[in-house]
Amino acid sequence: MTRLPRLMIAPNGARRSKADHPALPITDDELVETALGCQQAGADGVHLHIRDAQGRHLLDATRYRALLDRMEDQVPGMYLQVTSESAGRYGADEQRAMMKALRPPHVSVALREMVRLPSDWPAARDFYQWAADNGVEIQHILYSPDEVRTFVDACNNGLIPGTSQQIIFVQGSYAEGSKNSVKLEAYLKPLERADGQDFDWMVCAFGIAETDSLVRAAQLGGKARVGFENSLWNKGGTLAADNAERVREVDEAIRARAQDAGAA
């Protein structure tokens, strides 16, 4: 399995618009331009959401394939990941159908969207096995320590196949930002219950705590996802000019903390 990038940019997400920030990319042209600027700023991966003509979240295999082809040409070397997020518009069957039509090399999938009820497990299990059989690498989105425990149990029980898993922990929320955010260590603790699993993990964090959360993730051996999907703000509370500015701040903060640790 491909290792996750050190620093992934999530430039837009499914919900925010230019009313939230004029530099938030909506069109495919804007996404390509943003990815290039963020690569130059230090990102080595990009998490892609596409929008329809009205700016609404879209899951469309044809559109995704065209964008991935452009990205491969114009930002070579970047780890390219698409989202399967429902965003309140799609059901699990529609999400799985899009992924099967696209067969992306890398995709993020929320456990809570594949398994809303215990009765959803058979269809989810079959999908996870299909992905493993077809070279579709899933980064499992986990929103709480309880979801991490459920995920680990599913891996141990064979409901999620394989012994090497990519995951992303979500700290905070759109509604509350970093308020009431759970400490990263609480997400990591349940991984100790895994039986023979290798976890390549990443963190994304909402609100002005984003930079500190991502630096902490790097300290503990994880990767970082930064960008306007989760936060528009720099550490000091100022509004970032664009996604590239967020990449630069987080990249510099991670490198500075690593340098301090090496000198200690």
C-alpha atoms as a PDB file:
ATOM      1  CA  MET A   1       0.000   0.000   0.000  1.00  0.00           C
ATOM      2  CA  THR A   2       1.225   3.498  -0.848  1.00  0.00           C
ATOM      3  CA  ARG A   3       2.205   5.530   2.205  1.00  0.00           C
ATOM      4  CA  LEU A   4       0.198   8.661   2.913  1.00  0.00           C
ATOM      5  CA  PRO A   5       1.797  12.002   2.033  1.00  0.00           C
ATOM      6  CA  ARG A   6       3.504  13.974   4.789  1.00  0.00           C
ATOM      7  CA  LEU A   7       1.372  17.077   4.215  1.00  0.00           C
ATOM      8  CA  MET A   8      -1.905  16.916   2.274  1.00  0.00           C
ATOM      9  CA  ILE A   9      -3.924  19.957   1.235  1.00  0.00           C
ATOM     10  CA  ALA A  10      -7.733  19.848   1.445  1.00  0.00           C
ATOM     11  CA  PRO A  11      -8.516  23.099  -0.380  1.00  0.00           C
ATOM     12  CA  ASN A  12     -12.319  23.339  -0.410  1.00  0.00           C
ATOM     13  CA  GLY A  13     -14.403  20.520   1.084  1.00  0.00           C
ATOM     14  CA  ALA A  14     -18.081  19.975   0.402  1.00  0.00           C
ATOM     15  CA  ARG A  15     -19.703  22.897   2.203  1.00  0.00           C
ATOM     16  CA  ARG A  16     -17.789  26.145   2.122  1.00  0.00           C
ATOM     17  CA  SER A  17     -18.145  28.660  -0.711  1.00  0.00           C
ATOM     18  CA  LYS A  18     -16.581  31.910  -1.866  1.00  0.00           C
ATOM     19  CA  ALA A  19     -18.897  33.662   0.578  1.00  0.00           C
ATOM     20  CA  ASP A  20     -16.744  32.073   3.296  1.00  0.00           C
ATOM     21  CA  HIS A  21     -13.479  33.020   1.563  1.00  0.00           C
ATOM     22  CA  PRO A  22     -12.974  34.500  -1.934  1.00  0.00           C
ATOM     23  CA  ALA A  23      -9.864  32.361  -2.493  1.00  0.00           C
ATOM     24  CA  LEU A  24     -11.651  29.056  -1.848  1.00  0.00           C
ATOM     25  CA  PRO A  25     -11.363  27.057  -5.093  1.00  0.00           C
ATOM     26  CA  ILE A  26     -14.610  25.870  -6.660  1.00  0.00           C
ATOM     27  CA  THR A  27     -13.945  25.161 -10.337  1.00  0.00           C
ATOM     28  CA  ASP A  28     -11.568  22.526 -11.664  1.00  0.00           C
ATOM     29  CA  ASP A  29      -9.315  25.281 -13.029  1.00  0.00           C
ATOM     30  CA  GLU A  30      -9.126  26.831  -9.564  1.00  0.00           C
ATOM     31  CA  LEU A  31      -8.387  23.448  -7.993  1.00  0.00           C
ATOM     32  CA  VAL A  32      -5.481  22.831 -10.357  1.00  0.00           C
ATOM     33  CA  GLU A  33      -4.088  26.320  -9.716  1.00  0.00           C
ATOM     34  CA  THR A  34      -4.458  25.859  -5.947  1.00  0.00           C
ATOM     35  CA  ALA A  35      -2.801  22.438  -6.012  1.00  0.00           C
ATOM     36  CA  LEU A  36       0.177  23.874  -7.881  1.00  0.00           C
ATOM     37  CA  GLY A  37       0.557  26.747  -5.407  1.00  0.00           C
ATOM     38  CA  CYS A  38       0.272  24.401  -2.443  1.00  0.00           C
ATOM     39  CA  GLN A  39       2.816  21.986  -3.929  1.00  0.00           C
ATOM     40  CA  GLN A  40       5.243  24.878  -4.227  1.00  0.00           C
ATOM     41  CA  ALA A  41       4.463  25.821  -0.601  1.00  0.00           C
ATOM     42  CA  GLY A  42       5.336  22.343   0.693  1.00  0.00           C
ATOM     43  CA  ALA A  43       2.321  20.040   0.229  1.00  0.00           C
ATOM     44  CA  ASP A  44       2.914  16.634  -1.330  1.00  0.00           C
ATOM     45  CA  GLY A  45      -0.706  15.485  -1.579  1.00  0.00           C
ATOM     46  CA  VAL A  46      -4.147  16.908  -2.412  1.00  0.00           C
ATOM     47  CA  HIS A  47      -7.617  15.833  -1.256  1.00  0.00           C
ATOM     48  CA  LEU A  48     -10.150  16.620  -3.992  1.00  0.00           C
ATOM     49  CA  HIS A  49     -13.795  17.681  -3.836  1.00  0.00           C
ATOM     50  CA  ILE A  50     -15.588  18.680  -7.032  1.00  0.00           C
ATOM     51  CA  ARG A  51     -18.627  20.942  -7.405  1.00  0.00           C
ATOM     52  CA  ASP A  52     -21.474  21.219  -9.900  1.00  0.00           C
ATOM     53  CA  ALA A  53     -22.370  24.349 -11.882  1.00  0.00           C
ATOM     54  CA  GLN A  54     -24.173  25.771  -8.839  1.00  0.00           C
ATOM     55  CA  GLY A  55     -21.164  25.142  -6.586  1.00  0.00           C
ATOM     56  CA  ARG A  56     -22.760  22.174  -4.809  1.00  0.00           C
ATOM     57  CA  HIS A  57     -20.856  19.080  -3.698  1.00  0.00           C
ATOM     58  CA  LEU A  58     -20.717  16.493  -6.480  1.00  0.00           C
ATOM     59  CA  LEU A  59     -19.825  12.813  -6.805  1.00  0.00           C
ATOM     60  CA  ASP A  60     -19.266  12.138 -10.501  1.00  0.00           C
ATOM     61  CA  ALA A  61     -16.792   9.585 -11.869  1.00  0.00           C
ATOM     62  CA  THR A  62     -16.397  11.255 -15.281  1.00  0.00           C
ATOM     63  CA  ARG A  63     -15.663  14.658 -13.772  1.00  0.00           C
ATOM     64  CA  TYR A  64     -13.273  13.154 -11.267  1.00  0.00           C
ATOM     65  CA  ARG A  65     -11.370  11.243 -13.946  1.00  0.00           C
ATOM     66  CA  ALA A  66     -10.912  14.382 -16.046  1.00  0.00           C
ATOM     67  CA  LEU A  67      -9.637  16.307 -13.016  1.00  0.00           C
ATOM     68  CA  LEU A  68      -7.270  13.528 -11.973  1.00  0.00           C
ATOM     69  CA  ASP A  69      -5.825  13.441 -15.513  1.00  0.00           C
ATOM     70  CA  ARG A  70      -5.210  17.193 -15.369  1.00  0.00           C
ATOM     71  CA  MET A  71      -3.646  16.974 -11.934  1.00  0.00           C
ATOM     72  CA  GLU A  72      -1.305  14.171 -12.991  1.00  0.00           C
ATOM     73  CA  ASP A  73      -0.128  16.348 -15.881  1.00  0.00           C
ATOM     74  CA  GLN A  74       0.096  19.724 -14.133  1.00  0.00           C
ATOM     75  CA  VAL A  75       1.154  18.791 -10.580  1.00  0.00           C
ATOM     76  CA  PRO A  76       3.269  15.681 -11.168  1.00  0.00           C
ATOM     77  CA  GLY A  77       4.406  13.825  -8.077  1.00  0.00           C
ATOM     78  CA  MET A  78       1.425  14.866  -5.966  1.00  0.00           C
ATOM     79  CA  TYR A  79      -0.511  12.169  -4.101  1.00  0.00           C
ATOM     80  CA  LEU A  80      -4.047  12.544  -5.506  1.00  0.00           C
ATOM     81  CA  GLN A  81      -7.004  11.518  -3.359  1.00  0.00           C
ATOM     82  CA  VAL A  82     -10.712  11.947  -4.126  1.00  0.00           C
ATOM     83  CA  THR A  83     -13.483  12.128  -1.574  1.00  0.00           C
ATOM     84  CA  SER A  84     -16.561   9.921  -1.376  1.00  0.00           C
ATOM     85  CA  GLU A  85     -18.263  12.198   1.162  1.00  0.00           C
ATOM     86  CA  SER A  86     -22.050  12.115   1.182  1.00  0.00           C
ATOM     87  CA  ALA A  87     -22.461  15.736   2.406  1.00  0.00           C
ATOM     88  CA  GLY A  88     -26.151  15.011   2.865  1.00  0.00           C
ATOM     89  CA  ARG A  89     -26.642  14.523  -0.906  1.00  0.00           C
ATOM     90  CA  TYR A  90     -25.748  10.877  -1.478  1.00  0.00           C
ATOM     91  CA  GLY A  91     -26.513   7.518   0.052  1.00  0.00           C
ATOM     92  CA  ALA A  92     -24.006   4.743   0.593  1.00  0.00           C
ATOM     93  CA  ASP A  93     -25.115   2.888  -2.551  1.00  0.00           C
ATOM     94  CA  GLU A  94     -24.489   6.009  -4.659  1.00  0.00           C
ATOM     95  CA  GLN A  95     -21.109   6.573  -3.005  1.00  0.00           C
ATOM     96  CA  ARG A  96     -20.026   3.001  -3.683  1.00  0.00           C
ATOM     97  CA  ALA A  97     -21.281   3.156  -7.270  1.00  0.00           C
ATOM     98  CA  MET A  98     -19.190   6.265  -7.952  1.00  0.00           C
ATOM     99  CA  MET A  99     -16.059   4.661  -6.512  1.00  0.00           C
ATOM    100  CA  LYS A 100     -16.586   1.474  -8.509  1.00  0.00           C
ATOM    101  CA  ALA A 101     -17.042   3.460 -11.725  1.00  0.00           C
ATOM    102  CA  LEU A 102     -13.970   5.632 -11.082  1.00  0.00           C
ATOM    103  CA  ARG A 103     -11.634   3.096  -9.435  1.00  0.00           C
ATOM    104  CA  PRO A 104      -9.442   5.870  -8.017  1.00  0.00           C
ATOM    105  CA  PRO A 105      -6.003   4.947  -6.720  1.00  0.00           C
ATOM    106  CA  HIS A 106      -6.735   6.812  -3.464  1.00  0.00           C
ATOM    107  CA  VAL A 107     -10.084   7.714  -1.865  1.00  0.00           C
ATOM    108  CA  SER A 108     -11.282   8.798   1.572  1.00  0.00           C
ATOM    109  CA  VAL A 109     -14.297   6.938   2.971  1.00  0.00           C
ATOM    110  CA  ALA A 110     -16.105   7.665   6.237  1.00  0.00           C
ATOM    111  CA  LEU A 111     -16.865   4.537   8.238  1.00  0.00           C
ATOM    112  CA  ARG A 112     -20.001   6.214   9.615  1.00  0.00           C
ATOM    113  CA  GLU A 113     -21.310   6.733   6.071  1.00  0.00           C
ATOM    114  CA  MET A 114     -20.741   3.143   4.995  1.00  0.00           C
ATOM    115  CA  VAL A 115     -22.174   1.697   8.215  1.00  0.00           C
ATOM    116  CA  ARG A 116     -25.041   3.756   9.582  1.00  0.00           C
ATOM    117  CA  LEU A 117     -26.740   0.659  11.061  1.00  0.00           C
ATOM    118  CA  PRO A 118     -25.397  -2.801  11.988  1.00  0.00           C
ATOM    119  CA  SER A 119     -27.401  -4.192   9.060  1.00  0.00           C
ATOM    120  CA  ASP A 120     -25.177  -2.161   6.693  1.00  0.00           C
ATOM    121  CA  TRP A 121     -22.117  -4.286   7.454  1.00  0.00           C
ATOM    122  CA  PRO A 122     -22.583  -6.954   4.746  1.00  0.00           C
ATOM    123  CA  ALA A 123     -22.677  -4.356   1.937  1.00  0.00           C
ATOM    124  CA  ALA A 124     -19.814  -2.427   3.517  1.00  0.00           C
ATOM    125  CA  ARG A 125     -17.731  -5.580   3.937  1.00  0.00           C
ATOM    126  CA  ASP A 126     -18.250  -6.499   0.282  1.00  0.00           C
ATOM    127  CA  PHE A 127     -17.255  -2.994  -0.804  1.00  0.00           C
ATOM    128  CA  TYR A 128     -14.090  -2.974   1.308  1.00  0.00           C
ATOM    129  CA  GLN A 129     -13.141  -6.346  -0.182  1.00  0.00           C
ATOM    130  CA  TRP A 130     -13.830  -5.051  -3.702  1.00  0.00           C
ATOM    131  CA  ALA A 131     -11.542  -2.080  -3.053  1.00  0.00           C
ATOM    132  CA  ALA A 132      -8.760  -4.335  -1.768  1.00  0.00           C
ATOM    133  CA  ASP A 133      -9.110  -6.624  -4.793  1.00  0.00           C
ATOM    134  CA  ASN A 134      -9.039  -3.739  -7.282  1.00  0.00           C
ATOM    135  CA  GLY A 135      -6.181  -1.625  -5.981  1.00  0.00           C
ATOM    136  CA  VAL A 136      -8.395   1.159  -4.604  1.00  0.00           C
ATOM    137  CA  GLU A 137      -6.621   2.401  -1.481  1.00  0.00           C
ATOM    138  CA  ILE A 138      -9.047   3.677   1.149  1.00  0.00           C
ATOM    139  CA  GLN A 139      -8.226   6.203   3.825  1.00  0.00           C
ATOM    140  CA  HIS A 140     -10.836   5.521   6.504  1.00  0.00           C
ATOM    141  CA  ILE A 141     -12.280   8.678   8.098  1.00  0.00           C
ATOM    142  CA  LEU A 142     -12.837   8.340  11.857  1.00  0.00           C
ATOM    143  CA  TYR A 143     -14.531  11.149  13.761  1.00  0.00           C
ATOM    144  CA  SER A 144     -14.162  10.010  17.372  1.00  0.00           C
ATOM    145  CA  PRO A 145     -12.307   7.561  19.616  1.00  0.00           C
ATOM    146  CA  ASP A 146     -15.479   5.435  19.680  1.00  0.00           C
ATOM    147  CA  GLU A 147     -15.335   5.165  15.885  1.00  0.00           C
ATOM    148  CA  VAL A 148     -11.667   4.164  16.135  1.00  0.00           C
ATOM    149  CA  ARG A 149     -12.667   1.315  18.474  1.00  0.00           C
ATOM    150  CA  THR A 150     -15.375   0.196  16.033  1.00  0.00           C
ATOM    151  CA  PHE A 151     -12.882   0.344  13.169  1.00  0.00           C
ATOM    152  CA  VAL A 152     -10.265  -1.699  15.034  1.00  0.00           C
ATOM    153  CA  ASP A 153     -12.873  -4.326  15.909  1.00  0.00           C
ATOM    154  CA  ALA A 154     -13.900  -4.520  12.229  1.00  0.00           C
ATOM    155  CA  CYS A 155     -10.269  -5.033  11.201  1.00  0.00           C
ATOM    156  CA  ASN A 156      -9.749  -7.712  13.851  1.00  0.00           C
ATOM    157  CA  ASN A 157     -12.955  -9.484  12.769  1.00  0.00           C
ATOM    158  CA  GLY A 158     -12.130  -9.413   9.059  1.00  0.00           C
ATOM    159  CA  LEU A 159     -14.956  -7.064   8.095  1.00  0.00           C
ATOM    160  CA  ILE A 160     -12.283  -4.693   6.771  1.00  0.00           C
ATOM    161  CA  PRO A 161      -9.651  -6.774   4.958  1.00  0.00           C
ATOM    162  CA  GLY A 162      -5.883  -6.452   5.051  1.00  0.00           C
ATOM    163  CA  THR A 163      -3.241  -5.757   7.648  1.00  0.00           C
ATOM    164  CA  SER A 164      -2.158  -2.305   6.457  1.00  0.00           C
ATOM    165  CA  GLN A 165      -4.700   0.492   6.909  1.00  0.00           C
ATOM    166  CA  GLN A 166      -4.782   4.206   6.105  1.00  0.00           C
ATOM    167  CA  ILE A 167      -6.842   6.346   8.477  1.00  0.00           C
ATOM    168  CA  ILE A 168      -7.550   9.984   9.234  1.00  0.00           C
ATOM    169  CA  PHE A 169      -8.680  11.293  12.611  1.00  0.00           C
ATOM    170  CA  VAL A 170     -11.004  14.304  12.589  1.00  0.00           C
ATOM    171  CA  GLN A 171     -10.614  16.751  15.469  1.00  0.00           C
ATOM    172  CA  GLY A 172     -13.357  19.305  15.979  1.00  0.00           C
ATOM    173  CA  SER A 173     -16.288  20.066  13.671  1.00  0.00           C
ATOM    174  CA  TYR A 174     -17.710  22.592  11.211  1.00  0.00           C
ATOM    175  CA  ALA A 175     -20.264  23.714  13.787  1.00  0.00           C
ATOM    176  CA  GLU A 176     -17.904  24.239  16.732  1.00  0.00           C
ATOM    177  CA  GLY A 177     -14.446  24.537  15.220  1.00  0.00           C
ATOM    178  CA  SER A 178     -11.855  23.369  17.735  1.00  0.00           C
ATOM    179  CA  LYS A 179     -14.225  23.807  20.700  1.00  0.00           C
ATOM    180  CA  ASN A 180     -14.665  20.525  22.588  1.00  0.00           C
ATOM    181  CA  SER A 181     -12.063  18.875  20.367  1.00  0.00           C
ATOM    182  CA  VAL A 182     -10.836  15.532  21.715  1.00  0.00           C
ATOM    183  CA  LYS A 183      -7.098  15.114  22.303  1.00  0.00           C
ATOM    184  CA  LEU A 184      -5.242  13.126  19.683  1.00  0.00           C
ATOM    185  CA  GLU A 185      -3.976  10.607  22.227  1.00  0.00           C
ATOM    186  CA  ALA A 186      -7.579   9.464  22.783  1.00  0.00           C
ATOM    187  CA  TYR A 187      -7.820   8.509  19.098  1.00  0.00           C
ATOM    188  CA  LEU A 188      -4.529   6.635  19.173  1.00  0.00           C
ATOM    189  CA  LYS A 189      -5.236   4.571  22.297  1.00  0.00           C
ATOM    190  CA  PRO A 190      -7.713   2.138  20.640  1.00  0.00           C
ATOM    191  CA  LEU A 191      -5.151   1.272  17.954  1.00  0.00           C
ATOM    192  CA  GLU A 192      -3.298  -0.686  20.641  1.00  0.00           C
ATOM    193  CA  ARG A 193      -6.123  -3.258  20.501  1.00  0.00           C
ATOM    194  CA  ALA A 194      -5.439  -4.063  16.846  1.00  0.00           C
ATOM    195  CA  ASP A 195      -4.205  -7.552  16.005  1.00  0.00           C
ATOM    196  CA  GLY A 196      -1.223  -7.431  13.644  1.00  0.00           C
ATOM    197  CA  GLN A 197      -2.276  -4.217  11.905  1.00  0.00           C
ATOM    198  CA  ASP A 198      -0.035  -1.479  10.525  1.00  0.00           C
ATOM    199  CA  PHE A 199      -1.665   1.955  10.638  1.00  0.00           C
ATOM    200  CA  ASP A 200      -0.582   4.875   8.463  1.00  0.00           C
ATOM    201  CA  TRP A 201      -2.482   7.734  10.072  1.00  0.00           C
ATOM    202  CA  MET A 202      -3.197  11.390   9.485  1.00  0.00           C
ATOM    203  CA  VAL A 203      -5.038  14.185  11.284  1.00  0.00           C
ATOM    204  CA  CYS A 204      -7.270  17.021  10.131  1.00  0.00           C
ATOM    205  CA  ALA A 205      -8.528  19.628  12.577  1.00  0.00           C
ATOM    206  CA  PHE A 206     -11.148  22.363  12.490  1.00  0.00           C
ATOM    207  CA  GLY A 207     -10.718  25.963  13.602  1.00  0.00           C
ATOM    208  CA  ILE A 208      -7.766  28.004  14.795  1.00  0.00           C
ATOM    209  CA  ALA A 209      -6.288  24.997  16.643  1.00  0.00           C
ATOM    210  CA  GLU A 210      -5.497  23.412  13.258  1.00  0.00           C
ATOM    211  CA  THR A 211      -1.785  24.270  13.235  1.00  0.00           C
ATOM    212  CA  ASP A 212      -1.128  23.082  16.801  1.00  0.00           C
ATOM    213  CA  SER A 213      -3.118  19.873  16.200  1.00  0.00           C
ATOM    214  CA  LEU A 214      -1.157  19.033  13.055  1.00  0.00           C
ATOM    215  CA  VAL A 215       2.181  19.741  14.701  1.00  0.00           C
ATOM    216  CA  ARG A 216       1.187  17.397  17.517  1.00  0.00           C
ATOM    217  CA  ALA A 217       0.263  14.718  14.964  1.00  0.00           C
ATOM    218  CA  ALA A 218       3.707  14.985  13.396  1.00  0.00           C
ATOM    219  CA  GLN A 219       5.331  14.745  16.841  1.00  0.00           C
ATOM    220  CA  LEU A 220       3.488  11.483  17.470  1.00  0.00           C
ATOM    221  CA  GLY A 221       4.440   9.973  14.122  1.00  0.00           C
ATOM    222  CA  GLY A 222       1.405  10.911  12.029  1.00  0.00           C
ATOM    223  CA  LYS A 223       0.771  12.911   8.881  1.00  0.00           C
ATOM    224  CA  ALA A 224      -1.096  16.212   8.455  1.00  0.00           C
ATOM    225  CA  ARG A 225      -4.005  17.411   6.320  1.00  0.00           C
ATOM    226  CA  VAL A 226      -4.380  21.168   6.169  1.00  0.00           C
ATOM    227  CA  GLY A 227      -6.567  23.575   4.236  1.00  0.00           C
ATOM    228  CA  PHE A 228      -9.766  25.519   3.812  1.00  0.00           C
ATOM    229  CA  GLU A 229     -11.963  22.428   4.096  1.00  0.00           C
ATOM    230  CA  ASN A 230     -11.223  22.453   7.829  1.00  0.00           C
ATOM    231  CA  SER A 231      -9.883  25.889   8.706  1.00  0.00           C
ATOM    232  CA  LEU A 232      -9.532  29.335   7.143  1.00  0.00           C
ATOM    233  CA  TRP A 233      -7.387  30.686   9.964  1.00  0.00           C
ATOM    234  CA  ASN A 234      -3.741  30.887  10.871  1.00  0.00           C
ATOM    235  CA  LYS A 235      -2.568  30.023  14.361  1.00  0.00           C
ATOM    236  CA  GLY A 236      -2.748  33.606  15.562  1.00  0.00           C
ATOM    237  CA  GLY A 237      -6.401  33.899  14.534  1.00  0.00           C
ATOM    238  CA  THR A 238      -5.833  35.896  11.348  1.00  0.00           C
ATOM    239  CA  LEU A 239      -7.674  34.885   8.187  1.00  0.00           C
ATOM    240  CA  ALA A 240      -5.295  33.116   5.796  1.00  0.00           C
ATOM    241  CA  ALA A 241      -4.864  34.681   2.369  1.00  0.00           C
ATOM    242  CA  ASP A 242      -5.225  31.336   0.624  1.00  0.00           C
ATOM    243  CA  ASN A 243      -4.587  27.607   1.004  1.00  0.00           C
ATOM    244  CA  ALA A 244      -0.902  27.979   0.206  1.00  0.00           C
ATOM    245  CA  GLU A 245      -0.485  30.263   3.222  1.00  0.00           C
ATOM    246  CA  ARG A 246      -1.966  27.554   5.447  1.00  0.00           C
ATOM    247  CA  VAL A 247       0.423  24.994   3.954  1.00  0.00           C
ATOM    248  CA  ARG A 248       3.429  27.224   4.569  1.00  0.00           C
ATOM    249  CA  GLU A 249       2.507  27.907   8.193  1.00  0.00           C
ATOM    250  CA  VAL A 250       1.933  24.239   9.027  1.00  0.00           C
ATOM    251  CA  ASP A 251       4.987  23.051   7.100  1.00  0.00           C
ATOM    252  CA  GLU A 252       7.229  25.580   8.840  1.00  0.00           C
ATOM    253  CA  ALA A 253       5.742  24.793  12.262  1.00  0.00           C
ATOM    254  CA  ILE A 254       6.272  21.040  11.832  1.00  0.00           C
ATOM    255  CA  ARG A 255       9.830  21.523  10.636  1.00  0.00           C
ATOM    256  CA  ALA A 256      10.626  23.947  13.475  1.00  0.00           C
ATOM    257  CA  ARG A 257       9.273  21.553  16.109  1.00  0.00           C
ATOM    258  CA  ALA A 258      11.258  18.666  14.607  1.00  0.00           C
ATOM    259  CA  GLN A 259      14.417  20.798  14.617  1.00  0.00           C
ATOM    260  CA  ASP A 260      13.854  21.776  18.253  1.00  0.00           C
ATOM    261  CA  ALA A 261      13.342  18.129  19.204  1.00  0.00           C
ATOM    262  CA  GLY A 262      16.521  17.128  17.382  1.00  0.00           C
ATOM    263  CA  ALA A 263      18.519  19.797  19.184  1.00  0.00           C
ATOM    264  CA  ALA A 264      17.193  18.824  22.609  1.00  0.00           C
END
